[in-house]
Structure formats: C-alpha cells, structure tokens
Protein backbone atom coordinates (compact mmCIF):
# COMPACT_ATOMS: atom_id res chain seq x y z
CA MET A 1 -73.21 115.35 79.53
CA LYS A 2 -74.01 111.42 78.61
CA ALA A 3 -76.74 112.54 76.21
CA GLU A 4 -74.43 114.98 74.63
CA ILE A 5 -71.50 112.49 74.49
CA ILE A 6 -73.91 109.78 72.63
CA ARG A 7 -75.16 112.62 69.98
CA ARG A 8 -71.70 113.14 69.19
CA VAL A 9 -70.73 109.70 68.78
CA LYS A 10 -73.67 109.15 66.60
CA ASN A 11 -72.94 111.91 64.44
CA PHE A 12 -69.54 110.62 64.09
CA LEU A 13 -70.38 107.25 62.99
CA SER A 14 -73.09 108.82 60.68
CA GLY A 15 -70.41 110.04 58.40
CA ILE A 16 -67.96 106.66 58.27
CA ILE A 17 -67.82 104.92 54.82
CA SER A 18 -66.12 102.03 53.70
CA SER A 19 -63.73 101.52 50.93
CA GLU A 20 -61.50 98.91 49.64
CA LYS A 21 -58.39 100.01 51.97
CA GLY A 22 -60.57 100.71 55.35
CA GLU A 23 -62.88 103.37 56.95
CA ARG A 24 -63.33 106.98 55.51
CA PHE A 25 -65.01 109.55 56.95
CA ILE A 26 -67.07 112.28 54.97
CA PRO A 27 -68.75 114.97 56.96
CA GLY A 28 -71.49 117.10 56.08
CA HIS A 29 -73.17 114.61 53.66
CA ALA A 30 -74.45 117.16 51.37
CA THR A 31 -71.34 119.20 50.81
CA GLY A 32 -68.62 116.83 51.86
CA ARG A 33 -67.15 119.85 53.77
CA ILE A 34 -66.64 120.35 57.48
CA ASP A 35 -69.43 122.00 59.01
CA GLU A 36 -68.50 124.72 61.37
CA THR A 37 -71.77 123.87 63.59
CA ALA A 38 -71.72 120.09 63.92
CA PRO A 39 -69.18 118.50 66.52
CA SER A 40 -67.31 115.40 65.19
CA ASP A 41 -64.07 114.03 65.87
CA PHE A 42 -62.74 113.93 62.69
CA GLY A 43 -63.98 117.60 61.74
CA GLY A 44 -62.98 118.68 65.57
CA PHE A 45 -59.29 117.12 65.01
CA TYR A 46 -58.86 119.40 61.62
CA ARG A 47 -60.74 122.44 63.15
CA PHE A 48 -57.96 121.89 66.01
CA ALA A 49 -55.24 121.72 63.81
CA ALA A 50 -55.75 124.90 61.73
CA GLN A 51 -54.65 127.12 64.36
CA PHE A 52 -51.04 126.02 63.24
CA VAL A 53 -51.55 126.28 59.38
CA LYS A 54 -51.64 130.00 58.44
CA GLY A 55 -48.86 130.22 55.49
CA ALA A 56 -47.79 126.67 56.53
CA ALA A 57 -46.73 124.06 53.52
CA ILE A 58 -49.20 120.81 55.06
CA LEU A 59 -48.77 117.02 54.75
CA ASP A 60 -51.81 115.16 55.65
CA THR A 61 -50.46 111.46 55.81
CA GLY A 62 -53.77 109.71 55.54
CA CYS A 63 -55.88 112.64 53.91
CA GLY A 64 -58.88 109.68 53.09
CA CYS A 65 -61.49 111.95 51.09
CA GLY A 66 -59.87 115.28 51.15
CA TYR A 67 -62.56 117.46 53.56
CA GLY A 68 -59.72 118.17 56.11
CA ILE A 69 -56.97 119.44 53.66
CA GLU A 70 -59.67 121.73 52.22
CA TYR A 71 -60.57 122.96 55.42
CA LEU A 72 -57.09 123.65 56.19
CA VAL A 73 -56.36 125.39 52.82
CA ARG A 74 -59.64 127.59 53.42
CA SER A 75 -57.92 128.02 57.01
CA GLY A 76 -54.94 129.82 55.63
CA ALA A 77 -52.70 126.89 54.74
CA ALA A 78 -50.11 127.82 51.92
CA SER A 79 -50.23 124.55 50.36
CA CYS A 80 -51.90 121.22 51.39
CA THR A 81 -50.50 117.86 50.43
CA GLY A 82 -52.64 114.76 51.04
CA ILE A 83 -51.53 111.03 50.72
CA ASP A 84 -53.75 108.05 51.10
CA ILE A 85 -53.19 104.34 50.05
CA SER A 86 -57.18 103.92 48.80
CA GLN A 87 -57.49 105.03 45.40
CA LYS A 88 -61.33 105.30 45.86
CA ALA A 89 -61.05 108.18 48.49
CA LEU A 90 -58.23 109.83 46.46
CA ARG A 91 -60.97 110.06 43.45
CA TYR A 92 -63.43 111.39 45.61
CA ALA A 93 -61.23 114.20 46.97
CA ARG A 94 -59.83 114.83 43.50
CA GLY A 95 -63.31 115.19 42.24
CA LYS A 96 -64.66 117.28 45.05
CA PHE A 97 -62.01 119.49 46.11
CA LYS A 98 -60.13 121.47 43.42
CA GLU A 99 -58.88 124.57 45.57
CA ALA A 100 -55.58 126.22 44.63
CA GLY A 101 -53.00 124.72 46.99
CA LEU A 102 -54.20 121.35 47.35
CA SER A 103 -52.37 118.44 45.97
CA TYR A 104 -53.25 114.41 46.25
CA LEU A 105 -50.67 111.77 45.76
CA SER A 106 -51.17 107.92 45.92
CA GLY A 107 -48.94 106.53 48.50
CA SER A 108 -48.52 104.59 52.14
CA ALA A 109 -48.47 106.32 55.48
CA GLU A 110 -45.61 104.07 56.33
CA ASP A 111 -43.58 105.20 53.35
CA LEU A 112 -43.15 108.91 53.15
CA SER A 113 -39.81 108.47 50.82
CA LEU A 114 -41.53 110.74 48.18
CA PHE A 115 -40.64 113.71 50.60
CA GLU A 116 -37.39 115.22 50.97
CA ASP A 117 -36.00 115.92 54.59
CA GLY A 118 -37.23 119.31 56.24
CA LYS A 119 -39.96 119.87 53.66
CA PHE A 120 -43.13 120.51 55.68
CA ASP A 121 -44.31 123.07 58.47
CA VAL A 122 -47.03 121.08 59.82
CA VAL A 123 -47.79 117.65 59.45
CA ILE A 124 -51.07 115.66 60.08
CA SER A 125 -51.47 112.33 61.26
CA ILE A 126 -55.26 112.10 62.13
CA GLU A 127 -56.21 108.50 62.84
CA VAL A 128 -53.71 106.70 61.23
CA ILE A 129 -51.25 104.99 63.19
CA GLU A 130 -53.78 102.35 64.30
CA HIS A 131 -54.16 101.12 60.81
CA LEU A 132 -50.58 100.50 60.26
CA ARG A 133 -47.78 97.52 60.92
CA ASP A 134 -45.23 99.85 61.37
CA PRO A 135 -46.25 102.76 63.42
CA GLN A 136 -42.52 103.32 64.63
CA LYS A 137 -41.56 103.75 60.94
CA HIS A 138 -44.59 106.33 60.08
CA VAL A 139 -43.43 108.33 62.93
CA ALA A 140 -39.79 108.68 62.19
CA ASP A 141 -40.37 109.33 58.80
CA ILE A 142 -43.14 112.17 59.75
CA PHE A 143 -39.87 113.36 62.18
CA ARG A 144 -37.69 113.59 58.90
CA VAL A 145 -40.00 115.32 56.60
CA MET A 146 -40.76 118.21 59.33
CA LYS A 147 -38.81 121.47 59.29
CA LYS A 148 -37.00 122.39 62.54
CA GLY A 149 -39.62 124.30 64.87
CA SER A 150 -42.25 122.65 62.57
CA ILE A 151 -45.85 120.86 64.57
CA LEU A 152 -47.19 117.35 64.37
CA VAL A 153 -51.02 116.99 65.25
CA LEU A 154 -51.66 113.15 65.72
CA SER A 155 -54.68 111.32 67.06
CA THR A 156 -55.40 107.91 67.60
CA PRO A 157 -58.15 105.95 69.51
CA ASN A 158 -57.43 105.61 73.11
CA LYS A 159 -57.10 101.84 73.65
CA GLU A 160 -59.07 101.92 77.16
CA THR A 161 -62.44 102.86 75.28
CA SER A 162 -62.21 99.79 72.87
CA PRO A 163 -63.56 96.06 74.11
CA PRO A 164 -61.27 94.18 75.62
CA GLY A 165 -58.71 91.76 73.57
CA ALA A 166 -55.43 91.25 71.99
CA VAL A 167 -56.82 91.95 68.67
CA PRO A 168 -58.79 95.25 68.05
CA ALA A 169 -62.33 95.14 67.88
CA ASN A 170 -62.32 97.41 64.68
CA ARG A 171 -61.42 95.32 62.06
CA PHE A 172 -59.34 98.11 60.04
CA HIS A 173 -57.13 98.33 63.10
CA VAL A 174 -53.84 96.86 63.25
CA GLY A 175 -53.14 97.81 66.77
CA GLU A 176 -54.31 100.65 69.36
CA PHE A 177 -52.70 102.44 71.94
CA ASN A 178 -52.72 103.20 75.83
CA TYR A 179 -51.44 106.36 76.97
CA ASP A 180 -47.85 104.78 77.95
CA GLU A 181 -47.21 102.79 74.44
CA LEU A 182 -48.03 106.62 72.60
CA LYS A 183 -46.26 108.61 74.93
CA GLU A 184 -42.72 106.38 74.51
CA LEU A 185 -43.28 105.88 70.78
CA LEU A 186 -43.42 110.09 70.20
CA GLY A 187 -40.96 110.46 73.17
CA ARG A 188 -38.47 108.64 70.73
CA TYR A 189 -38.33 111.52 68.28
CA PHE A 190 -39.90 114.43 70.05
CA GLU A 191 -38.86 116.18 73.12
CA THR A 192 -41.25 118.67 72.82
CA MET A 193 -45.11 117.45 73.24
CA VAL A 194 -48.52 117.52 74.79
CA ILE A 195 -50.89 114.70 74.95
CA PHE A 196 -54.65 115.38 75.43
CA GLU A 197 -57.14 112.73 76.88
CA ASN A 198 -60.17 111.80 75.51
CA LEU A 199 -63.44 112.87 77.04
CA LEU A 200 -65.24 109.74 77.24
CA VAL A 201 -64.68 107.22 80.24
CA SER A 202 -64.25 103.76 79.02
CA PRO A 203 -67.47 101.97 79.04
CA PHE A 204 -65.65 98.64 80.00
CA GLU A 205 -64.20 97.52 83.37
CA GLU A 206 -60.79 96.63 81.97
CA GLY A 207 -60.39 100.15 80.21
CA GLN A 208 -61.34 101.72 83.54
CA LYS A 209 -59.14 99.92 86.00
CA HIS A 210 -56.42 100.69 83.58
CA ARG A 211 -57.37 104.50 83.64
CA ALA A 212 -57.42 104.30 87.35
CA GLU A 213 -53.86 102.65 87.69
CA ARG A 214 -52.63 105.55 85.65
CA MET A 215 -54.36 108.07 87.51
CA ALA A 216 -52.61 106.49 90.86
CA LYS A 217 -48.97 106.67 88.95
CA GLY A 218 -49.62 110.26 87.78
CA GLU A 219 -49.44 109.12 84.22
CA MET A 220 -52.10 111.30 82.50
CA GLY A 221 -52.35 113.09 79.56
CA GLN A 222 -53.31 116.83 79.49
CA ALA A 223 -56.95 117.12 80.43
CA TRP A 224 -59.48 119.15 78.48
CA ALA A 225 -59.15 122.92 78.91
CA PRO A 226 -60.49 125.75 76.30
CA ARG A 227 -56.49 126.76 76.30
CA VAL A 228 -53.32 125.00 77.07
CA LYS A 229 -49.82 126.51 77.67
CA THR A 230 -47.30 124.15 78.11
CA ASP A 231 -43.85 123.48 77.13
CA GLY A 232 -43.70 126.48 75.47
CA LEU A 233 -46.78 125.67 73.44
CA ASP A 234 -50.02 127.90 73.53
CA ILE A 235 -52.75 125.84 72.22
CA ASP A 236 -56.73 126.72 71.76
CA CYS A 237 -58.43 123.53 72.53
CA ARG A 238 -61.61 124.58 72.10
CA TYR A 239 -62.35 122.04 69.24
CA LEU A 240 -61.11 119.22 71.41
CA TYR A 241 -64.17 119.40 73.28
CA SER A 242 -66.06 117.12 70.46
CA ASN A 243 -63.46 114.17 71.10
CA THR A 244 -64.76 111.54 72.64
CA HIS A 245 -62.35 108.29 72.06
CA SER A 246 -58.95 109.48 70.77
CA PHE A 247 -55.84 110.87 72.33
CA VAL A 248 -54.60 113.77 70.33
CA ALA A 249 -50.74 114.72 70.46
CA VAL A 250 -49.20 117.83 69.46
CA CYS A 251 -45.40 117.66 69.11
CA ARG A 252 -42.95 120.46 67.72
CA ARG A 253 -39.29 119.26 66.05
C-alpha cells in the first residue's frame, strides 16, 4: 500500500506546472487529457465529479488548463464554463480543448459576479480555496450561483498532511484547512454535505496527533468506500481511491 501511494504521489507531481499565478496541473503530458488508466489526485477528482454532470450546466471555479471541464463535457455535461485567473492557463485551454459546450472566462474564484443567481446545476472547486485570501466569499458566491438541489464538488488539501507551521509549505497556498475548519466553513451555507477523508496518513508527528485527537472526539469525515449513501446522497467513490492528500466535499444546495 505504501509503495502504491508513493507511485501515485510521483504521478501527480510530474504533471504540475507553474504559471504566473501559481501551480497548474496537466495530465497525460502528450494529450493533455485525463488518462482513464493512470490514477492522479486531480484527474481522480474530475472523474469522481463526472457522476453528477449528465445534462447539467457546470461551473469550474478554477479550471486551470481546461482538462477537467473537457472531461466533464465528454462525460455528458450539457455545458461547462471554466474561469481562471491565469492567462497562461486559459491560453493553453482555449488552444487545446475546443469541444462544443466549453467556454473559458478570465476571472477570480473570489468574485463570481459574472454569473446570475441560480445559474448552475453543478459547481466544481478543485484545489482552489487554499489559494484564496477570502475562502468564505468563494463559498458564498458558489452557493449564490447554484440552483436549488444542485451539487458542489470541492477539494482542498488536508492540513494534517502538510509540514507543521503557521505558513503553508506550498508557496502558492494562502491557507490550508483542518477537518473542523472546512466543515464549519461549508456548514455556514450547506445543510447537506459529506466530507471524505484522504487516504494518506500524515508523515508528520503534529498531523498524526491532530488526527488521533479527531478520532477520539469522533470528528472524522467519511472514510473511503466504493459507494457511500448518506444524507440522501448516493455517491460512487471509486475514483477517490487515488486521493492521497485532500478532503473532498460533496454538498447539495
């Protein structure tokens, strides 16, 4: 199991590129598309989200190089709108992925004022909020643009897996979340939600201690299982098997 986790982490890191606005991930190298046979955290998150998108209008609040929304259109979404603050990433996306139903807009995940209330059936926020100075505004804006009954899929690194310290070790991250912090933030807006735990146990003593304290208090998220039924949600979790570092939340408006 340990060797498999190390392999996944290396696969994930090999696809990260830097841009003028931060880190971006490109899977598949040659094609730029999500490889169905190669596990990676980011690709797995979009493959996980695809179960919710058939016939839906999608917003990706940090689409990066576009591979994620391209995959969601291939998976049956009616339309996918991606926004990103990086012009370099958007140029790549527009040049690489031109399928019908895809659109790209320049903008910040902290300001979704481009979109009217109740516009989208599914909103995606994959590894976004840790980059923001005002994550609460991000979640509030997401809630505003969601239709009633719509779904949010959000992921963010589990702070327990990062090196201890007040400042995140990843220079692109403004702030990272513990389980209780993420649950409190999402709970301000969503009554129905499930937060999945990541699979990798922290290599750091402080992270291990925090996890043990959570377990003792019963403050744990949903453990991985192939399928999870909870709070009226029936969720296929197979693609979260590659999730080593991040919490993954599914919320319904």
